[in-house]
Amino acid sequence: MLKIRLQRIGRKNEAAFRLVVTESKNGPQSGKFLEILGSYTMKNDVINLKGDRIKHWIGNGAQVSNTGHNMLVKAGIIEGRAKNVLSKKSPTVARKEAKKKK
């Protein structure tokens, strides 16, 4: 299965990311990918995306990671709601409060 995900590039403390299409079995740091679809520089908060190629790969069945999905929604390339990318585990304080309510 093909996956559209972020791949970290850049120097230490100057993170930059590529949006790439890769096989889902390849790790994000393997360096193996089929095509570069865009880039994101955190320092300048600059996002460059190839909208037509992204739509092409999604049309061919590629799945988008949650963070990549949120970037595409924000850029207006795809429509939808932003997905929660935070951990699904609740903190212990919230669990204790839920037990008290029961």
N, C-alpha and C. Protein backbone atom coordinates (compact mmCIF):
# COMPACT_ATOMS: atom_id res chain seq x y z
N MET A 1 0.85 -1.18 0.00
CA MET A 1 0.00 0.00 0.00
C MET A 1 0.90 1.24 0.00
N LEU A 2 0.52 2.20 -0.81
CA LEU A 2 1.28 3.45 -0.88
C LEU A 2 0.83 4.42 0.20
N LYS A 3 1.76 5.18 0.71
CA LYS A 3 1.50 6.11 1.79
C LYS A 3 2.11 7.46 1.43
N ILE A 4 1.36 8.53 1.70
CA ILE A 4 1.89 9.89 1.57
C ILE A 4 2.19 10.36 2.98
N ARG A 5 3.46 10.61 3.25
CA ARG A 5 3.86 10.98 4.61
C ARG A 5 5.01 11.98 4.59
N LEU A 6 5.31 12.51 5.77
CA LEU A 6 6.41 13.45 5.91
C LEU A 6 7.71 12.69 6.15
N GLN A 7 8.79 13.20 5.57
CA GLN A 7 10.12 12.65 5.78
C GLN A 7 11.01 13.78 6.26
N ARG A 8 11.64 13.61 7.41
CA ARG A 8 12.45 14.68 7.99
C ARG A 8 13.76 14.82 7.25
N ILE A 9 14.09 16.06 6.92
CA ILE A 9 15.38 16.40 6.34
C ILE A 9 15.87 17.63 7.10
N GLY A 10 16.99 18.13 6.74
CA GLY A 10 17.49 19.35 7.39
C GLY A 10 18.49 19.04 8.48
N ARG A 11 19.07 20.11 9.00
CA ARG A 11 20.11 19.96 10.01
C ARG A 11 19.52 19.86 11.41
N LYS A 12 20.38 19.61 12.34
CA LYS A 12 20.01 19.54 13.75
C LYS A 12 19.45 20.89 14.19
N ASN A 13 18.33 20.89 14.87
CA ASN A 13 17.63 22.07 15.36
C ASN A 13 17.08 22.97 14.24
N GLU A 14 17.15 22.54 13.00
CA GLU A 14 16.55 23.27 11.89
C GLU A 14 15.76 22.26 11.05
N ALA A 15 14.65 21.81 11.60
CA ALA A 15 13.88 20.76 10.97
C ALA A 15 13.20 21.26 9.70
N ALA A 16 13.25 20.42 8.70
CA ALA A 16 12.52 20.64 7.46
C ALA A 16 11.98 19.26 7.05
N PHE A 17 10.89 19.25 6.33
CA PHE A 17 10.25 18.00 5.98
C PHE A 17 9.93 17.97 4.50
N ARG A 18 9.93 16.77 3.92
CA ARG A 18 9.45 16.53 2.57
C ARG A 18 8.14 15.76 2.68
N LEU A 19 7.23 16.04 1.80
CA LEU A 19 6.03 15.22 1.67
C LEU A 19 6.31 14.26 0.53
N VAL A 20 6.38 12.96 0.82
CA VAL A 20 6.78 11.97 -0.17
C VAL A 20 5.75 10.86 -0.28
N VAL A 21 5.78 10.16 -1.43
CA VAL A 21 5.00 8.95 -1.63
C VAL A 21 5.96 7.79 -1.47
N THR A 22 5.61 6.85 -0.60
CA THR A 22 6.47 5.70 -0.36
C THR A 22 5.61 4.47 -0.08
N GLU A 23 6.23 3.33 -0.15
CA GLU A 23 5.56 2.09 0.23
C GLU A 23 5.40 2.11 1.74
N SER A 24 4.27 1.65 2.24
CA SER A 24 3.99 1.75 3.68
C SER A 24 4.96 0.92 4.51
N LYS A 25 5.59 -0.08 3.93
CA LYS A 25 6.55 -0.92 4.67
C LYS A 25 7.87 -0.19 4.90
N ASN A 26 8.18 0.79 4.07
CA ASN A 26 9.42 1.55 4.24
C ASN A 26 9.29 2.49 5.42
N GLY A 27 10.30 2.56 6.23
CA GLY A 27 10.30 3.48 7.35
C GLY A 27 10.47 4.91 6.89
N PRO A 28 10.06 5.87 7.71
CA PRO A 28 10.17 7.27 7.30
C PRO A 28 11.61 7.73 7.13
N GLN A 29 12.58 7.06 7.74
CA GLN A 29 13.97 7.47 7.62
C GLN A 29 14.77 6.59 6.67
N SER A 30 14.10 5.71 5.93
CA SER A 30 14.81 4.80 5.04
C SER A 30 15.39 5.50 3.82
N GLY A 31 14.79 6.62 3.42
CA GLY A 31 15.26 7.33 2.24
C GLY A 31 14.67 6.80 0.95
N LYS A 32 13.84 5.76 1.04
CA LYS A 32 13.22 5.19 -0.16
C LYS A 32 11.86 5.85 -0.38
N PHE A 33 11.67 6.43 -1.54
CA PHE A 33 10.38 7.01 -1.87
C PHE A 33 10.22 7.03 -3.37
N LEU A 34 8.98 7.17 -3.83
CA LEU A 34 8.70 7.18 -5.27
C LEU A 34 8.76 8.59 -5.85
N GLU A 35 8.23 9.57 -5.10
CA GLU A 35 8.17 10.92 -5.62
C GLU A 35 8.10 11.93 -4.48
N ILE A 36 8.71 13.08 -4.67
CA ILE A 36 8.61 14.18 -3.72
C ILE A 36 7.42 15.03 -4.12
N LEU A 37 6.48 15.22 -3.20
CA LEU A 37 5.26 15.97 -3.49
C LEU A 37 5.26 17.38 -2.92
N GLY A 38 6.22 17.70 -2.09
CA GLY A 38 6.27 19.04 -1.52
C GLY A 38 7.26 19.11 -0.38
N SER A 39 7.29 20.27 0.26
CA SER A 39 8.20 20.46 1.38
C SER A 39 7.58 21.41 2.40
N TYR A 40 8.09 21.33 3.62
CA TYR A 40 7.63 22.17 4.72
C TYR A 40 8.84 22.55 5.55
N THR A 41 9.09 23.85 5.69
CA THR A 41 10.19 24.35 6.50
C THR A 41 9.61 24.95 7.77
N MET A 42 9.95 24.39 8.91
CA MET A 42 9.39 24.85 10.18
C MET A 42 9.92 26.22 10.57
N LYS A 43 11.19 26.48 10.28
CA LYS A 43 11.81 27.72 10.71
C LYS A 43 11.10 28.94 10.11
N ASN A 44 10.77 28.86 8.82
CA ASN A 44 10.10 29.96 8.13
C ASN A 44 8.60 29.75 8.01
N ASP A 45 8.12 28.58 8.39
CA ASP A 45 6.72 28.18 8.26
C ASP A 45 6.26 28.31 6.80
N VAL A 46 7.08 27.76 5.89
CA VAL A 46 6.81 27.80 4.46
C VAL A 46 6.40 26.40 4.00
N ILE A 47 5.26 26.32 3.31
CA ILE A 47 4.78 25.05 2.78
C ILE A 47 4.68 25.15 1.26
N ASN A 48 5.36 24.26 0.56
CA ASN A 48 5.30 24.17 -0.91
C ASN A 48 4.76 22.79 -1.26
N LEU A 49 3.63 22.74 -1.97
CA LEU A 49 3.01 21.46 -2.31
C LEU A 49 2.67 21.42 -3.79
N LYS A 50 2.76 20.22 -4.37
CA LYS A 50 2.36 19.99 -5.76
C LYS A 50 0.95 19.40 -5.74
N GLY A 51 -0.05 20.25 -5.84
CA GLY A 51 -1.43 19.84 -5.69
C GLY A 51 -1.89 18.82 -6.71
N ASP A 52 -1.50 18.99 -7.97
CA ASP A 52 -1.96 18.07 -9.01
C ASP A 52 -1.38 16.67 -8.81
N ARG A 53 -0.12 16.59 -8.42
CA ARG A 53 0.51 15.28 -8.18
C ARG A 53 -0.05 14.62 -6.93
N ILE A 54 -0.37 15.40 -5.92
CA ILE A 54 -0.96 14.84 -4.70
C ILE A 54 -2.33 14.24 -5.01
N LYS A 55 -3.15 14.96 -5.78
CA LYS A 55 -4.46 14.44 -6.17
C LYS A 55 -4.32 13.19 -7.03
N HIS A 56 -3.29 13.16 -7.89
CA HIS A 56 -3.04 11.99 -8.73
C HIS A 56 -2.78 10.76 -7.86
N TRP A 57 -1.90 10.88 -6.87
CA TRP A 57 -1.55 9.74 -6.03
C TRP A 57 -2.72 9.32 -5.15
N ILE A 58 -3.47 10.28 -4.63
CA ILE A 58 -4.65 9.93 -3.82
C ILE A 58 -5.68 9.21 -4.69
N GLY A 59 -5.83 9.66 -5.94
CA GLY A 59 -6.73 9.00 -6.87
C GLY A 59 -6.30 7.59 -7.22
N ASN A 60 -5.01 7.32 -7.14
CA ASN A 60 -4.49 5.97 -7.40
C ASN A 60 -4.46 5.10 -6.15
N GLY A 61 -5.01 5.58 -5.05
CA GLY A 61 -5.15 4.75 -3.86
C GLY A 61 -4.15 4.97 -2.75
N ALA A 62 -3.33 5.99 -2.84
CA ALA A 62 -2.36 6.26 -1.76
C ALA A 62 -3.09 6.82 -0.54
N GLN A 63 -2.70 6.35 0.63
CA GLN A 63 -3.28 6.82 1.89
C GLN A 63 -2.40 7.93 2.45
N VAL A 64 -3.02 8.94 3.05
CA VAL A 64 -2.28 10.08 3.59
C VAL A 64 -2.17 9.93 5.10
N SER A 65 -0.99 10.22 5.65
CA SER A 65 -0.81 10.19 7.10
C SER A 65 -1.65 11.29 7.73
N ASN A 66 -1.89 11.21 9.04
CA ASN A 66 -2.74 12.19 9.72
C ASN A 66 -2.16 13.60 9.62
N THR A 67 -0.87 13.75 9.87
CA THR A 67 -0.25 15.07 9.81
C THR A 67 -0.25 15.59 8.37
N GLY A 68 0.03 14.71 7.42
CA GLY A 68 -0.03 15.10 6.01
C GLY A 68 -1.43 15.51 5.60
N HIS A 69 -2.43 14.79 6.10
CA HIS A 69 -3.83 15.13 5.82
C HIS A 69 -4.15 16.53 6.33
N ASN A 70 -3.72 16.85 7.54
CA ASN A 70 -3.97 18.17 8.11
C ASN A 70 -3.30 19.27 7.29
N MET A 71 -2.10 19.01 6.79
CA MET A 71 -1.42 20.00 5.94
C MET A 71 -2.19 20.23 4.65
N LEU A 72 -2.69 19.16 4.04
CA LEU A 72 -3.41 19.27 2.78
C LEU A 72 -4.75 19.98 2.95
N VAL A 73 -5.41 19.74 4.08
CA VAL A 73 -6.67 20.43 4.35
C VAL A 73 -6.41 21.91 4.55
N LYS A 74 -5.37 22.24 5.30
CA LYS A 74 -5.03 23.63 5.57
C LYS A 74 -4.65 24.37 4.28
N ALA A 75 -3.98 23.68 3.37
CA ALA A 75 -3.58 24.29 2.10
C ALA A 75 -4.73 24.35 1.10
N GLY A 76 -5.82 23.64 1.37
CA GLY A 76 -6.97 23.66 0.48
C GLY A 76 -6.88 22.69 -0.69
N ILE A 77 -5.96 21.75 -0.63
CA ILE A 77 -5.80 20.78 -1.71
C ILE A 77 -6.88 19.70 -1.63
N ILE A 78 -7.19 19.26 -0.43
CA ILE A 78 -8.29 18.32 -0.23
C ILE A 78 -9.27 18.93 0.75
N GLU A 79 -10.50 18.43 0.70
CA GLU A 79 -11.52 18.93 1.61
C GLU A 79 -11.72 17.92 2.74
N GLY A 80 -12.10 18.43 3.88
CA GLY A 80 -12.34 17.57 5.03
C GLY A 80 -12.00 18.30 6.31
N ARG A 81 -12.15 17.57 7.40
CA ARG A 81 -11.82 18.12 8.71
C ARG A 81 -10.44 17.66 9.12
N ALA A 82 -9.81 18.44 9.96
CA ALA A 82 -8.49 18.08 10.47
C ALA A 82 -8.63 16.88 11.40
N LYS A 83 -7.63 16.01 11.37
CA LYS A 83 -7.62 14.83 12.22
C LYS A 83 -6.79 15.10 13.46
N ASN A 84 -7.15 14.45 14.56
CA ASN A 84 -6.40 14.58 15.79
C ASN A 84 -5.13 13.75 15.69
N VAL A 85 -3.97 14.38 15.81
CA VAL A 85 -2.71 13.67 15.71
C VAL A 85 -2.06 13.46 17.07
N LEU A 86 -2.72 13.92 18.12
CA LEU A 86 -2.17 13.73 19.45
C LEU A 86 -2.42 12.31 19.93
N SER A 87 -1.73 11.93 20.97
CA SER A 87 -1.87 10.59 21.53
C SER A 87 -3.30 10.34 21.98
N LYS A 88 -3.78 9.13 21.77
CA LYS A 88 -5.15 8.79 22.15
C LYS A 88 -5.24 8.37 23.61
N LYS A 89 -4.12 8.24 24.27
CA LYS A 89 -4.13 7.88 25.69
C LYS A 89 -4.49 9.10 26.51
N SER A 90 -5.36 8.93 27.46
CA SER A 90 -5.74 10.06 28.31
C SER A 90 -4.80 10.09 29.53
N PRO A 91 -4.55 11.26 30.07
CA PRO A 91 -3.69 11.34 31.25
C PRO A 91 -4.36 10.69 32.46
N THR A 92 -3.55 10.36 33.44
CA THR A 92 -4.06 9.64 34.61
C THR A 92 -5.06 10.49 35.38
N VAL A 93 -4.89 11.80 35.35
CA VAL A 93 -5.81 12.69 36.06
C VAL A 93 -7.22 12.56 35.47
N ALA A 94 -7.30 12.53 34.17
CA ALA A 94 -8.61 12.41 33.51
C ALA A 94 -9.24 11.07 33.83
N ARG A 95 -8.44 10.01 33.92
CA ARG A 95 -8.98 8.69 34.25
C ARG A 95 -9.53 8.67 35.67
N LYS A 96 -8.82 9.31 36.58
CA LYS A 96 -9.29 9.34 37.97
C LYS A 96 -10.59 10.09 38.08
N GLU A 97 -10.72 11.21 37.36
CA GLU A 97 -11.95 11.99 37.40
C GLU A 97 -13.11 11.21 36.80
N ALA A 98 -12.84 10.43 35.77
CA ALA A 98 -13.89 9.64 35.14
C ALA A 98 -14.36 8.53 36.10
N LYS A 99 -13.45 7.98 36.87
CA LYS A 99 -13.84 6.93 37.83
C LYS A 99 -14.69 7.52 38.95
N LYS A 100 -14.35 8.75 39.37
CA LYS A 100 -15.11 9.39 40.44
C LYS A 100 -16.54 9.69 40.00
N LYS A 101 -16.73 10.06 38.73
CA LYS A 101 -18.05 10.37 38.22
C LYS A 101 -18.95 9.14 38.16
N LYS A 102 -18.36 7.98 37.97
CA LYS A 102 -19.14 6.73 37.90
C LYS A 102 -19.54 6.35 39.29
